[in-house]
Amino acid sequence: MAPRTLILHRLTAHFAGRIRQNQRLLSSHFYSSTALEEAPSSSSSSSSPNLDGVHMTDTCVQKMKQLQASEAQEKLLRLSVETGGCSGFQYVFDLVDDKTNPDDRVFEKEGVKLVVDNISYDFLKGATVDYVEELIRSAFQVTENPSAVQGCSCKSSFMVKL
């Protein structure tokens, strides 16, 4: 077997194993009892953040208010976790219409709503969402996540604590 083919074969097997492992982790969290807990309806704005909620910074709230002002219909910020990225899991942000699913958890601050599905919530308990403006990009980011062990430098993916 040629060296290039051998390397590709080994890398394919490695990544396929990582993807299966991540899918098992997501599936096990879906059926865990913590995924079925009652969600708090809003995040608190006290000095010590609640570890059961998902929190938004003032910058995040201000940016969402700007985006909502330019839209005809109210938009929600949806945050979810998917397998992928360079560290195993990645954050996905979407602006969605004012519709939620029965398994969604809604966190609100100053009228701005952040929606997280039950499976993703297990990976995001106690996390903080911010809006960050940098030279290369401006985006919503998870700046703190107690469930993450480490992440990549782009702050879009993370590795979960086991």
N, C-alpha and C. Protein backbone atom coordinates (compact mmCIF):
# COMPACT_ATOMS: atom_id res chain seq x y z
N MET A 1 0.86 -1.18 0.00
CA MET A 1 0.00 0.00 0.00
C MET A 1 0.90 1.24 0.00
N ALA A 2 0.58 2.21 -0.81
CA ALA A 2 1.37 3.44 -0.91
C ALA A 2 1.28 4.22 0.39
N PRO A 3 2.33 4.96 0.77
CA PRO A 3 2.31 5.72 2.03
C PRO A 3 1.12 6.68 2.13
N ARG A 4 0.79 7.33 1.05
CA ARG A 4 -0.33 8.29 1.05
C ARG A 4 -1.65 7.57 1.32
N THR A 5 -1.85 6.43 0.68
CA THR A 5 -3.07 5.64 0.87
C THR A 5 -3.15 5.12 2.30
N LEU A 6 -2.03 4.70 2.85
CA LEU A 6 -1.98 4.20 4.22
C LEU A 6 -2.36 5.30 5.21
N ILE A 7 -1.85 6.49 5.01
CA ILE A 7 -2.17 7.62 5.89
C ILE A 7 -3.66 7.95 5.80
N LEU A 8 -4.19 8.02 4.58
CA LEU A 8 -5.61 8.30 4.40
C LEU A 8 -6.48 7.22 5.05
N HIS A 9 -6.07 5.97 4.91
CA HIS A 9 -6.82 4.87 5.53
C HIS A 9 -6.84 5.00 7.06
N ARG A 10 -5.70 5.31 7.64
CA ARG A 10 -5.62 5.47 9.10
C ARG A 10 -6.42 6.68 9.58
N LEU A 11 -6.31 7.81 8.86
CA LEU A 11 -7.06 9.00 9.25
C LEU A 11 -8.56 8.78 9.14
N THR A 12 -8.99 8.10 8.10
CA THR A 12 -10.42 7.82 7.92
C THR A 12 -10.93 6.98 9.09
N ALA A 13 -10.20 5.96 9.45
CA ALA A 13 -10.60 5.10 10.57
C ALA A 13 -10.63 5.90 11.88
N HIS A 14 -9.64 6.77 12.07
CA HIS A 14 -9.58 7.58 13.29
C HIS A 14 -10.79 8.51 13.39
N PHE A 15 -11.07 9.25 12.31
CA PHE A 15 -12.18 10.20 12.34
C PHE A 15 -13.53 9.50 12.42
N ALA A 16 -13.67 8.37 11.79
CA ALA A 16 -14.92 7.62 11.88
C ALA A 16 -15.16 7.18 13.33
N GLY A 17 -14.10 6.75 14.00
CA GLY A 17 -14.22 6.37 15.41
C GLY A 17 -14.61 7.54 16.29
N ARG A 18 -14.02 8.72 16.04
CA ARG A 18 -14.37 9.93 16.82
C ARG A 18 -15.82 10.33 16.61
N ILE A 19 -16.28 10.25 15.37
CA ILE A 19 -17.67 10.60 15.07
C ILE A 19 -18.62 9.65 15.78
N ARG A 20 -18.34 8.34 15.74
CA ARG A 20 -19.19 7.37 16.44
C ARG A 20 -19.20 7.64 17.95
N GLN A 21 -18.03 7.96 18.52
CA GLN A 21 -17.94 8.26 19.94
C GLN A 21 -18.78 9.49 20.28
N ASN A 22 -18.71 10.54 19.48
CA ASN A 22 -19.48 11.75 19.73
C ASN A 22 -20.98 11.48 19.60
N GLN A 23 -21.37 10.67 18.63
CA GLN A 23 -22.78 10.34 18.48
C GLN A 23 -23.29 9.55 19.68
N ARG A 24 -22.46 8.64 20.21
CA ARG A 24 -22.85 7.90 21.41
C ARG A 24 -23.01 8.84 22.60
N LEU A 25 -22.10 9.81 22.74
CA LEU A 25 -22.20 10.78 23.82
C LEU A 25 -23.49 11.59 23.72
N LEU A 26 -23.80 12.06 22.51
CA LEU A 26 -25.03 12.82 22.32
C LEU A 26 -26.26 11.97 22.60
N SER A 27 -26.26 10.71 22.15
CA SER A 27 -27.39 9.82 22.38
C SER A 27 -27.57 9.52 23.85
N SER A 28 -26.48 9.29 24.56
CA SER A 28 -26.59 8.98 25.99
C SER A 28 -27.09 10.18 26.77
N HIS A 29 -26.74 11.40 26.35
CA HIS A 29 -27.24 12.59 27.02
C HIS A 29 -28.72 12.78 26.74
N PHE A 30 -29.19 12.35 25.56
CA PHE A 30 -30.59 12.51 25.22
C PHE A 30 -31.46 11.68 26.16
N TYR A 31 -31.00 10.49 26.51
CA TYR A 31 -31.79 9.61 27.35
C TYR A 31 -31.46 9.73 28.83
N SER A 32 -30.54 10.61 29.19
CA SER A 32 -30.20 10.76 30.61
C SER A 32 -31.30 11.50 31.35
N SER A 33 -31.35 11.32 32.63
CA SER A 33 -32.39 11.98 33.42
C SER A 33 -32.20 13.48 33.49
N THR A 34 -30.96 13.96 33.35
CA THR A 34 -30.74 15.41 33.42
C THR A 34 -31.34 16.12 32.23
N ALA A 35 -31.49 15.44 31.11
CA ALA A 35 -32.09 16.07 29.94
C ALA A 35 -33.58 16.29 30.12
N LEU A 36 -34.18 15.62 31.10
CA LEU A 36 -35.62 15.73 31.30
C LEU A 36 -35.98 16.61 32.49
N GLU A 37 -34.99 17.30 33.09
CA GLU A 37 -35.28 18.18 34.20
C GLU A 37 -36.06 19.40 33.75
N GLU A 38 -36.74 20.04 34.68
CA GLU A 38 -37.49 21.27 34.37
C GLU A 38 -36.51 22.42 34.22
N ALA A 39 -36.68 23.19 33.17
CA ALA A 39 -35.79 24.31 32.91
C ALA A 39 -36.26 25.55 33.61
N PRO A 40 -35.34 26.39 34.10
CA PRO A 40 -35.75 27.68 34.60
C PRO A 40 -36.22 28.55 33.45
N SER A 41 -37.20 29.39 33.67
CA SER A 41 -37.76 30.17 32.57
C SER A 41 -36.91 31.37 32.19
N SER A 42 -36.05 31.81 33.07
CA SER A 42 -35.19 32.94 32.71
C SER A 42 -33.89 32.86 33.48
N SER A 43 -32.90 33.55 32.97
CA SER A 43 -31.62 33.58 33.67
C SER A 43 -31.60 34.74 34.63
N SER A 44 -30.89 34.56 35.69
CA SER A 44 -30.82 35.62 36.69
C SER A 44 -29.68 36.55 36.37
N SER A 45 -29.80 37.80 36.79
CA SER A 45 -28.73 38.76 36.50
C SER A 45 -27.96 39.11 37.77
N SER A 46 -27.85 38.16 38.68
CA SER A 46 -27.10 38.40 39.91
C SER A 46 -25.61 38.31 39.63
N SER A 47 -24.81 38.70 40.62
CA SER A 47 -23.36 38.72 40.42
C SER A 47 -22.78 37.32 40.32
N SER A 48 -23.39 36.31 40.95
CA SER A 48 -22.93 34.94 40.80
C SER A 48 -23.92 34.19 39.93
N PRO A 49 -23.53 33.87 38.68
CA PRO A 49 -24.47 33.26 37.76
C PRO A 49 -24.95 31.89 38.23
N ASN A 50 -26.18 31.59 37.91
CA ASN A 50 -26.79 30.32 38.22
C ASN A 50 -26.18 29.27 37.31
N LEU A 51 -25.68 28.17 37.86
CA LEU A 51 -25.04 27.14 37.05
C LEU A 51 -26.03 26.29 36.28
N ASP A 52 -27.34 26.44 36.54
CA ASP A 52 -28.33 25.67 35.80
C ASP A 52 -28.83 26.40 34.57
N GLY A 53 -28.54 27.67 34.44
CA GLY A 53 -29.03 28.45 33.31
C GLY A 53 -27.98 28.63 32.24
N VAL A 54 -28.41 29.22 31.14
CA VAL A 54 -27.50 29.68 30.10
C VAL A 54 -27.65 31.19 30.09
N HIS A 55 -26.56 31.90 30.19
CA HIS A 55 -26.59 33.33 30.43
C HIS A 55 -26.17 34.13 29.21
N MET A 56 -26.68 35.36 29.13
CA MET A 56 -26.31 36.27 28.05
C MET A 56 -25.67 37.51 28.66
N THR A 57 -24.60 37.98 28.04
CA THR A 57 -23.96 39.22 28.49
C THR A 57 -24.78 40.41 28.01
N ASP A 58 -24.48 41.58 28.56
CA ASP A 58 -25.16 42.80 28.12
C ASP A 58 -24.89 43.09 26.64
N THR A 59 -23.68 42.80 26.18
CA THR A 59 -23.33 43.01 24.78
C THR A 59 -24.18 42.12 23.87
N CYS A 60 -24.39 40.89 24.28
CA CYS A 60 -25.22 39.95 23.53
C CYS A 60 -26.66 40.47 23.45
N VAL A 61 -27.18 40.94 24.57
CA VAL A 61 -28.55 41.46 24.62
C VAL A 61 -28.69 42.68 23.72
N GLN A 62 -27.72 43.59 23.78
CA GLN A 62 -27.77 44.80 22.95
C GLN A 62 -27.76 44.46 21.46
N LYS A 63 -26.92 43.51 21.06
CA LYS A 63 -26.85 43.12 19.65
C LYS A 63 -28.16 42.47 19.20
N MET A 64 -28.73 41.64 20.03
CA MET A 64 -30.01 41.01 19.69
C MET A 64 -31.11 42.06 19.54
N LYS A 65 -31.10 43.08 20.40
CA LYS A 65 -32.10 44.15 20.29
C LYS A 65 -31.92 44.92 18.98
N GLN A 66 -30.66 45.15 18.57
CA GLN A 66 -30.40 45.80 17.28
C GLN A 66 -30.92 44.95 16.13
N LEU A 67 -30.67 43.65 16.18
CA LEU A 67 -31.12 42.76 15.11
C LEU A 67 -32.64 42.69 15.06
N GLN A 68 -33.28 42.67 16.23
CA GLN A 68 -34.74 42.60 16.28
C GLN A 68 -35.37 43.88 15.76
N ALA A 69 -34.72 45.02 15.97
CA ALA A 69 -35.25 46.30 15.51
C ALA A 69 -35.30 46.35 13.98
N SER A 70 -34.39 45.64 13.33
CA SER A 70 -34.36 45.65 11.86
C SER A 70 -35.25 44.58 11.24
N GLU A 71 -35.88 43.75 12.04
CA GLU A 71 -36.74 42.68 11.55
C GLU A 71 -38.21 43.03 11.78
N ALA A 72 -39.07 42.54 10.89
CA ALA A 72 -40.51 42.77 11.04
C ALA A 72 -41.09 41.89 12.14
N GLN A 73 -40.55 40.68 12.27
CA GLN A 73 -41.04 39.73 13.26
C GLN A 73 -39.95 39.48 14.31
N GLU A 74 -40.38 39.26 15.55
CA GLU A 74 -39.41 39.02 16.63
C GLU A 74 -38.59 37.76 16.33
N LYS A 75 -37.30 37.85 16.55
CA LYS A 75 -36.39 36.72 16.34
C LYS A 75 -35.85 36.25 17.67
N LEU A 76 -35.57 34.96 17.74
CA LEU A 76 -34.95 34.35 18.91
C LEU A 76 -33.56 33.90 18.53
N LEU A 77 -32.66 33.90 19.48
CA LEU A 77 -31.32 33.37 19.27
C LEU A 77 -31.33 31.92 19.71
N ARG A 78 -31.10 31.01 18.77
CA ARG A 78 -31.07 29.57 19.10
C ARG A 78 -29.62 29.12 19.15
N LEU A 79 -29.27 28.45 20.25
CA LEU A 79 -27.94 27.90 20.43
C LEU A 79 -28.07 26.39 20.55
N SER A 80 -27.29 25.67 19.76
CA SER A 80 -27.30 24.22 19.85
C SER A 80 -25.87 23.69 19.76
N VAL A 81 -25.72 22.43 20.13
CA VAL A 81 -24.43 21.76 20.09
C VAL A 81 -24.55 20.60 19.12
N GLU A 82 -23.58 20.49 18.23
CA GLU A 82 -23.54 19.39 17.26
C GLU A 82 -22.18 18.73 17.31
N THR A 83 -22.12 17.49 16.84
CA THR A 83 -20.81 16.86 16.72
C THR A 83 -20.07 17.50 15.57
N GLY A 84 -18.77 17.62 15.73
CA GLY A 84 -17.96 18.22 14.68
C GLY A 84 -16.98 19.22 15.24
N GLY A 85 -16.38 19.97 14.37
CA GLY A 85 -15.38 20.93 14.80
C GLY A 85 -14.07 20.22 15.11
N CYS A 86 -13.06 20.98 15.41
CA CYS A 86 -11.74 20.38 15.63
C CYS A 86 -11.58 19.79 17.03
N SER A 87 -12.54 20.04 17.93
CA SER A 87 -12.41 19.50 19.28
C SER A 87 -13.48 18.46 19.62
N GLY A 88 -14.34 18.12 18.69
CA GLY A 88 -15.34 17.08 18.93
C GLY A 88 -16.77 17.56 18.89
N PHE A 89 -17.04 18.73 19.48
CA PHE A 89 -18.38 19.33 19.48
C PHE A 89 -18.26 20.78 19.04
N GLN A 90 -19.31 21.29 18.42
CA GLN A 90 -19.27 22.68 17.99
C GLN A 90 -20.57 23.39 18.35
N TYR A 91 -20.45 24.69 18.60
CA TYR A 91 -21.59 25.54 18.89
C TYR A 91 -22.20 26.00 17.58
N VAL A 92 -23.54 26.02 17.52
CA VAL A 92 -24.23 26.50 16.33
C VAL A 92 -25.25 27.55 16.78
N PHE A 93 -25.13 28.76 16.23
CA PHE A 93 -26.05 29.86 16.52
C PHE A 93 -26.94 30.10 15.31
N ASP A 94 -28.23 30.33 15.56
CA ASP A 94 -29.19 30.66 14.50
C ASP A 94 -30.14 31.72 15.01
N LEU A 95 -30.56 32.61 14.12
CA LEU A 95 -31.66 33.52 14.42
C LEU A 95 -32.91 32.88 13.85
N VAL A 96 -33.90 32.63 14.70
CA VAL A 96 -35.10 31.91 14.26
C VAL A 96 -36.34 32.71 14.60
N ASP A 97 -37.44 32.36 13.93
CA ASP A 97 -38.72 32.99 14.23
C ASP A 97 -39.14 32.65 15.64
N ASP A 98 -40.16 33.32 16.11
CA ASP A 98 -40.63 33.17 17.49
C ASP A 98 -41.37 31.85 17.70
N LYS A 99 -40.72 30.74 17.30
CA LYS A 99 -41.31 29.41 17.47
C LYS A 99 -40.35 28.56 18.29
N THR A 100 -40.91 27.84 19.25
CA THR A 100 -40.08 26.93 20.04
C THR A 100 -40.68 25.54 19.97
N ASN A 101 -39.84 24.56 20.24
CA ASN A 101 -40.28 23.16 20.27
C ASN A 101 -40.62 22.79 21.71
N PRO A 102 -41.40 21.73 21.91
CA PRO A 102 -41.77 21.34 23.29
C PRO A 102 -40.57 21.02 24.19
N ASP A 103 -39.46 20.57 23.60
CA ASP A 103 -38.29 20.22 24.43
C ASP A 103 -37.29 21.36 24.55
N ASP A 104 -37.65 22.56 24.12
CA ASP A 104 -36.75 23.70 24.22
C ASP A 104 -36.78 24.34 25.60
N ARG A 105 -35.67 24.90 25.96
CA ARG A 105 -35.56 25.71 27.17
C ARG A 105 -35.32 27.14 26.74
N VAL A 106 -36.08 28.07 27.31
CA VAL A 106 -35.99 29.47 26.91
C VAL A 106 -35.42 30.27 28.07
N PHE A 107 -34.36 31.02 27.80
CA PHE A 107 -33.73 31.88 28.78
C PHE A 107 -33.92 33.32 28.30
N GLU A 108 -34.34 34.20 29.20
CA GLU A 108 -34.68 35.55 28.79
C GLU A 108 -33.95 36.57 29.65
N LYS A 109 -33.50 37.63 29.00
CA LYS A 109 -32.87 38.75 29.70
C LYS A 109 -33.27 40.02 28.97
N GLU A 110 -33.91 40.93 29.67
CA GLU A 110 -34.35 42.22 29.13
C GLU A 110 -35.17 42.06 27.85
N GLY A 111 -36.00 41.03 27.81
CA GLY A 111 -36.88 40.80 26.66
C GLY A 111 -36.25 40.03 25.52
N VAL A 112 -34.95 39.74 25.59
CA VAL A 112 -34.27 38.97 24.56
C VAL A 112 -34.28 37.49 24.97
N LYS A 113 -34.65 36.63 24.04
CA LYS A 113 -34.80 35.21 24.35
C LYS A 113 -33.72 34.38 23.67
N LEU A 114 -33.13 33.48 24.46
CA LEU A 114 -32.15 32.51 23.99
C LEU A 114 -32.79 31.14 24.14
N VAL A 115 -32.83 30.37 23.05
CA VAL A 115 -33.48 29.06 23.04
C VAL A 115 -32.42 27.98 22.92
N VAL A 116 -32.53 26.96 23.78
CA VAL A 116 -31.60 25.83 23.77
C VAL A 116 -32.41 24.55 23.85
N ASP A 117 -32.14 23.58 22.97
CA ASP A 117 -32.86 22.30 23.04
C ASP A 117 -32.32 21.47 24.20
N ASN A 118 -33.10 20.48 24.63
CA ASN A 118 -32.75 19.68 25.81
C ASN A 118 -31.41 18.96 25.69
N ILE A 119 -31.11 18.42 24.54
CA ILE A 119 -29.85 17.68 24.39
C ILE A 119 -28.67 18.64 24.51
N SER A 120 -28.75 19.77 23.82
CA SER A 120 -27.66 20.76 23.89
C SER A 120 -27.54 21.35 25.28
N TYR A 121 -28.65 21.47 25.99
CA TYR A 121 -28.64 22.07 27.33
C TYR A 121 -27.67 21.34 28.27
N ASP A 122 -27.60 20.02 28.15
CA ASP A 122 -26.69 19.26 29.01
C ASP A 122 -25.23 19.65 28.79
N PHE A 123 -24.90 20.14 27.60
CA PHE A 123 -23.54 20.57 27.29
C PHE A 123 -23.32 22.06 27.59
N LEU A 124 -24.40 22.78 27.93
CA LEU A 124 -24.32 24.23 28.06
C LEU A 124 -24.71 24.77 29.43
N LYS A 125 -24.99 23.92 30.40
CA LYS A 125 -25.39 24.38 31.73
C LYS A 125 -24.34 25.33 32.30
N GLY A 126 -24.78 26.52 32.69
CA GLY A 126 -23.87 27.50 33.29
C GLY A 126 -23.06 28.28 32.29
N ALA A 127 -23.29 28.08 31.00
CA ALA A 127 -22.51 28.76 29.96
C ALA A 127 -22.94 30.22 29.82
N THR A 128 -22.05 31.02 29.25
CA THR A 128 -22.31 32.44 29.01
C THR A 128 -22.14 32.72 27.53
N VAL A 129 -23.15 33.38 26.94
CA VAL A 129 -23.12 33.74 25.53
C VAL A 129 -22.83 35.24 25.42
N ASP A 130 -21.91 35.59 24.54
CA ASP A 130 -21.51 36.97 24.35
C ASP A 130 -21.52 37.28 22.85
N TYR A 131 -21.55 38.55 22.52
CA TYR A 131 -21.36 38.98 21.14
C TYR A 131 -19.99 39.64 21.08
N VAL A 132 -19.11 39.11 20.25
CA VAL A 132 -17.72 39.55 20.21
C VAL A 132 -17.42 40.13 18.84
N GLU A 133 -16.82 41.32 18.84
CA GLU A 133 -16.38 41.96 17.60
C GLU A 133 -14.86 41.93 17.56
N GLU A 134 -14.33 41.25 16.55
CA GLU A 134 -12.89 41.13 16.36
C GLU A 134 -12.53 41.62 14.97
N LEU A 135 -11.26 41.70 14.68
CA LEU A 135 -10.83 42.13 13.35
C LEU A 135 -11.29 41.17 12.26
N ILE A 136 -11.26 39.87 12.54
CA ILE A 136 -11.61 38.89 11.51
C ILE A 136 -13.11 38.66 11.41
N ARG A 137 -13.83 38.77 12.51
CA ARG A 137 -15.25 38.48 12.48
C ARG A 137 -15.97 39.12 13.66
N SER A 138 -17.26 39.20 13.52
CA SER A 138 -18.15 39.60 14.61
C SER A 138 -19.19 38.50 14.73
N ALA A 139 -19.35 37.94 15.93
CA ALA A 139 -20.23 36.78 16.06
C ALA A 139 -20.64 36.57 17.50
N PHE A 140 -21.73 35.82 17.66
CA PHE A 140 -22.10 35.33 18.98
C PHE A 140 -21.15 34.19 19.31
N GLN A 141 -20.69 34.15 20.57
CA GLN A 141 -19.77 33.11 21.01
C GLN A 141 -20.13 32.67 22.42
N VAL A 142 -19.83 31.41 22.71
CA VAL A 142 -19.91 30.93 24.09
C VAL A 142 -18.56 31.25 24.70
N THR A 143 -18.55 32.20 25.64
CA THR A 143 -17.27 32.64 26.21
C THR A 143 -16.87 31.83 27.44
N GLU A 144 -17.85 31.31 28.15
CA GLU A 144 -17.56 30.47 29.32
C GLU A 144 -18.49 29.27 29.27
N ASN A 145 -17.94 28.08 29.49
CA ASN A 145 -18.75 26.87 29.52
C ASN A 145 -18.15 25.91 30.53
N PRO A 146 -18.82 25.74 31.68
CA PRO A 146 -18.30 24.83 32.71
C PRO A 146 -18.24 23.38 32.25
N SER A 147 -18.99 23.00 31.21
CA SER A 147 -18.99 21.63 30.71
C SER A 147 -17.85 21.35 29.75
N ALA A 148 -17.13 22.38 29.34
CA ALA A 148 -16.06 22.22 28.36
C ALA A 148 -14.71 22.08 29.04
N VAL A 149 -13.94 21.11 28.60
CA VAL A 149 -12.59 20.91 29.12
C VAL A 149 -11.63 21.83 28.39
N GLN A 150 -11.71 21.82 27.08
CA GLN A 150 -10.85 22.66 26.27
C GLN A 150 -11.56 22.91 24.95
N GLY A 151 -11.05 23.85 24.20
CA GLY A 151 -11.62 24.15 22.90
C GLY A 151 -10.53 24.59 21.96
N CYS A 152 -10.95 24.91 20.76
CA CYS A 152 -9.97 25.37 19.78
C CYS A 152 -9.84 26.89 19.87
N SER A 153 -8.88 27.43 19.18
CA SER A 153 -8.63 28.86 19.26
C SER A 153 -9.73 29.69 18.62
N CYS A 154 -10.52 29.10 17.72
CA CYS A 154 -11.60 29.85 17.07
C CYS A 154 -12.82 30.00 17.99
N LYS A 155 -12.84 29.30 19.10
CA LYS A 155 -13.92 29.34 20.11
C LYS A 155 -15.25 28.87 19.54
N SER A 156 -15.20 28.07 18.47
CA SER A 156 -16.42 27.51 17.90
C SER A 156 -16.63 26.07 18.29
N SER A 157 -15.58 25.40 18.74
CA SER A 157 -15.73 23.99 19.12
C SER A 157 -15.08 23.75 20.49
N PHE A 158 -15.48 22.64 21.08
CA PHE A 158 -15.00 22.33 22.43
C PHE A 158 -15.00 20.84 22.65
N MET A 159 -14.30 20.42 23.71
CA MET A 159 -14.28 19.04 24.16
C MET A 159 -15.02 18.99 25.49
N VAL A 160 -15.88 18.02 25.66
CA VAL A 160 -16.74 17.96 26.83
C VAL A 160 -16.05 17.22 27.98
N LYS A 161 -16.35 17.65 29.23
CA LYS A 161 -15.85 16.95 30.41
C LYS A 161 -16.61 15.64 30.54
N LEU A 162 -15.92 14.58 30.87
CA LEU A 162 -16.58 13.28 31.06
C LEU A 162 -16.66 12.93 32.52
